[in-house]
Protein backbone atom coordinates (compact mmCIF):
# COMPACT_ATOMS: atom_id res chain seq x y z
CA MET A 1 16.38 43.78 -10.32
CA LYS A 2 17.10 40.78 -12.52
CA ILE A 3 14.87 38.11 -13.96
CA ILE A 4 16.79 34.84 -14.09
CA CYS A 5 15.13 31.90 -15.84
CA VAL A 6 15.81 28.18 -15.82
CA GLY A 7 15.11 26.16 -18.96
CA ARG A 8 14.46 22.43 -19.33
CA ASN A 9 13.93 21.82 -15.61
CA TYR A 10 11.25 19.13 -16.03
CA VAL A 11 12.02 15.89 -17.85
CA ALA A 12 8.66 15.72 -19.64
CA HIS A 13 9.00 19.29 -20.93
CA ALA A 14 12.53 18.71 -22.20
CA LYS A 15 11.30 15.65 -24.06
CA GLU A 16 8.27 17.39 -25.57
CA LEU A 17 10.61 19.91 -27.22
CA ASN A 18 13.13 17.20 -28.19
CA ASN A 19 15.82 18.63 -25.93
CA ASP A 20 18.46 16.70 -24.02
CA ILE A 21 18.13 16.37 -20.25
CA PRO A 22 20.62 18.90 -18.83
CA ASP A 23 23.29 18.00 -16.29
CA GLU A 24 23.27 21.52 -14.82
CA PRO A 25 20.66 24.31 -14.86
CA VAL A 26 20.13 25.96 -18.24
CA LEU A 27 20.07 29.70 -17.55
CA PHE A 28 18.89 32.72 -19.47
CA MET A 29 17.77 36.18 -18.43
CA LYS A 30 15.07 38.73 -19.12
CA PRO A 31 15.25 42.51 -18.59
CA ASP A 32 12.88 44.32 -16.27
CA SER A 33 11.04 45.62 -19.36
CA ALA A 34 9.80 42.04 -19.83
CA LEU A 35 7.68 42.25 -16.67
CA LEU A 36 3.89 42.07 -16.94
CA ARG A 37 2.23 42.69 -13.59
CA ASN A 38 -1.16 43.27 -11.99
CA ASN A 39 -3.10 41.00 -14.37
CA ASP A 40 -2.56 43.42 -17.24
CA PRO A 41 -3.45 41.95 -20.65
CA PHE A 42 -0.75 40.42 -22.83
CA TYR A 43 -0.59 41.68 -26.41
CA ILE A 44 0.73 39.18 -28.95
CA PRO A 45 3.63 40.86 -30.81
CA GLU A 46 3.09 41.37 -34.52
CA TRP A 47 6.43 39.73 -35.36
CA SER A 48 5.52 36.26 -34.05
CA ASN A 49 2.91 33.77 -35.23
CA GLU A 50 3.42 31.30 -32.37
CA VAL A 51 3.72 32.61 -28.82
CA HIS A 52 3.66 29.79 -26.25
CA HIS A 53 2.61 29.84 -22.61
CA GLU A 54 4.98 28.37 -20.00
CA ILE A 55 3.72 28.52 -16.41
CA GLU A 56 6.45 28.52 -13.77
CA LEU A 57 7.06 28.84 -10.06
CA ILE A 58 8.88 32.08 -9.24
CA VAL A 59 11.19 32.65 -6.28
CA ARG A 60 11.81 36.18 -5.01
CA ILE A 61 15.24 36.79 -3.48
CA LYS A 62 15.23 38.57 -0.10
CA LYS A 63 18.96 38.81 0.70
CA LEU A 64 22.18 39.77 -1.08
CA GLY A 65 24.20 36.68 -1.90
CA LYS A 66 27.16 35.36 -3.88
CA ASN A 67 28.62 31.82 -4.04
CA ILE A 68 25.83 30.51 -1.84
CA GLU A 69 26.20 26.96 -0.57
CA LYS A 70 23.16 24.79 -1.20
CA LYS A 71 22.68 24.12 2.51
CA PHE A 72 22.30 27.88 3.11
CA ALA A 73 20.16 28.67 0.04
CA TYR A 74 16.89 28.61 2.02
CA ARG A 75 18.03 31.76 3.82
CA TYR A 76 17.86 33.79 0.61
CA TYR A 77 14.15 33.47 -0.18
CA GLY A 78 10.94 33.39 1.78
CA GLU A 79 8.23 33.84 -0.82
CA ILE A 80 7.10 32.03 -3.93
CA GLY A 81 4.69 32.93 -6.71
CA ILE A 82 3.76 31.87 -10.22
CA GLY A 83 3.96 33.48 -13.61
CA ILE A 84 4.28 32.90 -17.33
CA ASP A 85 7.48 32.74 -19.35
CA PHE A 86 6.07 33.68 -22.75
CA THR A 87 8.13 32.31 -25.64
CA ALA A 88 7.94 33.26 -29.30
CA ARG A 89 8.46 29.66 -30.35
CA ASP A 90 8.75 30.32 -34.07
CA VAL A 91 11.45 32.92 -33.46
CA GLN A 92 13.22 30.69 -30.92
CA ASP A 93 13.29 27.74 -33.30
CA ALA A 94 14.78 29.91 -36.05
CA LEU A 95 17.45 31.26 -33.70
CA LYS A 96 18.31 27.81 -32.30
CA SER A 97 18.67 26.39 -35.81
CA LYS A 98 21.41 28.97 -36.43
CA GLY A 99 23.06 28.50 -33.05
CA LEU A 100 22.11 32.03 -32.01
CA PRO A 101 21.00 33.35 -28.58
CA TRP A 102 17.30 33.24 -27.65
CA GLU A 103 16.80 36.76 -26.30
CA LYS A 104 14.46 37.96 -29.04
CA ALA A 105 12.20 34.98 -28.39
CA LYS A 106 12.30 35.07 -24.60
CA ALA A 107 13.17 38.55 -23.35
CA PHE A 108 10.80 40.73 -25.35
CA ASP A 109 8.52 43.31 -23.71
CA HIS A 110 5.97 41.80 -21.28
CA ALA A 111 7.21 38.24 -21.79
CA ALA A 112 7.54 37.65 -18.03
CA VAL A 113 4.18 37.56 -16.29
CA VAL A 114 4.38 37.81 -12.50
CA CYS A 115 1.43 37.22 -10.19
CA PRO A 116 0.32 40.26 -8.16
CA GLU A 117 0.94 38.62 -4.78
CA PHE A 118 3.51 36.08 -3.60
CA VAL A 119 2.94 33.72 -0.68
CA SER A 120 5.16 32.80 2.23
CA ILE A 121 7.04 29.54 1.79
CA ASP A 122 6.13 28.70 5.37
CA SER A 123 2.41 28.89 4.56
CA LEU A 124 2.63 26.07 2.00
CA PRO A 125 1.67 22.47 2.84
CA ASP A 126 5.09 21.23 1.68
CA ARG A 127 7.79 23.63 0.50
CA ASN A 128 9.43 20.77 -1.43
CA ALA A 129 6.28 19.73 -3.30
CA VAL A 130 4.52 22.87 -4.50
CA HIS A 131 1.60 22.27 -6.86
CA PHE A 132 0.61 24.74 -9.58
CA ARG A 133 -1.42 24.80 -12.77
CA LEU A 134 -2.50 26.92 -15.73
CA ASP A 135 -6.05 27.05 -17.07
CA ILE A 136 -6.89 28.58 -20.45
CA ASN A 137 -10.54 29.38 -21.05
CA GLY A 138 -11.46 27.20 -18.09
CA LYS A 139 -9.48 24.13 -19.18
CA THR A 140 -6.29 22.97 -17.46
CA VAL A 141 -3.42 22.92 -19.97
CA GLN A 142 -0.37 22.70 -17.70
CA GLU A 143 0.06 21.19 -14.27
CA GLY A 144 3.26 20.87 -12.29
CA ASN A 145 4.79 20.06 -8.94
CA SER A 146 8.16 21.31 -7.74
CA GLU A 147 9.15 17.86 -6.53
CA LEU A 148 9.45 16.89 -10.21
CA MET A 149 12.04 19.54 -10.96
CA ILE A 150 15.36 18.22 -12.20
CA PHE A 151 17.06 20.95 -10.14
CA GLN A 152 15.35 22.01 -6.92
CA ILE A 153 15.10 25.64 -5.80
CA ASP A 154 18.09 25.43 -3.44
CA ASP A 155 20.20 23.84 -6.20
CA ILE A 156 19.22 26.64 -8.59
CA ILE A 157 20.05 29.43 -6.13
CA SER A 158 23.44 27.92 -5.37
CA HIS A 159 24.25 27.46 -9.05
CA VAL A 160 23.04 30.88 -10.15
CA SER A 161 24.98 32.63 -7.40
CA LYS A 162 28.27 31.28 -8.76
CA TYR A 163 27.84 33.50 -11.81
CA PHE A 164 25.54 36.35 -10.76
CA THR A 165 25.36 38.18 -7.45
CA LEU A 166 21.79 37.82 -6.23
CA LYS A 167 20.15 41.01 -4.99
CA ILE A 168 17.02 41.75 -3.02
CA GLY A 169 14.00 41.64 -5.33
CA ASP A 170 15.59 39.47 -8.03
CA LEU A 171 13.19 36.93 -9.50
CA ILE A 172 14.04 33.36 -10.48
CA PHE A 173 11.68 31.56 -12.88
CA THR A 174 12.29 27.89 -12.10
CA GLY A 175 11.18 26.16 -15.30
CA THR A 176 7.96 24.91 -16.84
CA PRO A 177 6.29 21.48 -16.82
CA SER A 178 5.04 19.80 -19.97
CA GLY A 179 1.97 20.98 -21.84
CA VAL A 180 3.26 24.21 -23.35
CA GLY A 181 1.35 25.50 -26.34
CA PRO A 182 0.25 28.60 -28.25
CA VAL A 183 -1.97 31.37 -26.96
CA HIS A 184 -4.56 33.08 -29.12
CA LEU A 185 -6.43 36.35 -29.25
CA GLY A 186 -9.21 36.34 -26.66
CA ASP A 187 -7.77 33.59 -24.44
CA ARG A 188 -8.16 33.94 -20.68
CA LEU A 189 -5.21 32.64 -18.63
CA GLU A 190 -5.71 31.73 -14.97
CA GLY A 191 -2.88 30.48 -12.77
CA TYR A 192 -3.27 28.56 -9.52
CA LEU A 193 -0.80 27.93 -6.71
CA GLU A 194 -1.89 25.16 -4.33
CA GLY A 195 -5.41 25.56 -5.69
CA VAL A 196 -5.59 29.32 -5.07
CA LYS A 197 -5.90 31.61 -8.08
CA LYS A 198 -2.88 33.91 -8.29
CA PHE A 199 -3.25 35.49 -11.72
CA ASP A 200 -6.06 36.04 -14.24
CA PHE A 201 -5.49 37.95 -17.47
CA TRP A 202 -6.44 38.09 -21.15
CA ILE A 203 -4.59 37.72 -24.43
CA LYS A 204 -5.13 40.61 -26.84
């Protein structure tokens, strides 16, 4: 399975990191070794002094697809979840300043948190306006709604499938809203999808 991630998919987040607004989805990938499941704790790597949280909606692909037209994209997923795209911001900034790829800052072990259970798209109040949030130590630090995405889920699936064949079980992280920031030893991260807690884990 693949983990495909979309960067800069919310205007406010792009602006908070002084990035341009993209005219097509910004894509990067993580290996399966980046997965962190089942509310296992996240251990801050010793080689970074600034690991940031980025909560995101995650789409799980249910059907093999290539060169998918946008109007048919809905056929390729039926469930959605939430997770964290952990980013070693200090490492990323150093790499970006040299024009180098981001993998060390984005694709490291356990940098892709995935909630234990996904929910059916059909069970949501509005599949085009999905609300989610991240609380750290009981305080809301990020809050987002899919209707504010620059590129909607169907747009992303169509675009991604031009370059990568989508397979059953592939995960697409759809981008983070504004409010990203560092995590610290002892923090408790709780993620909510439409008000229902979907993950709850500790930073160690």
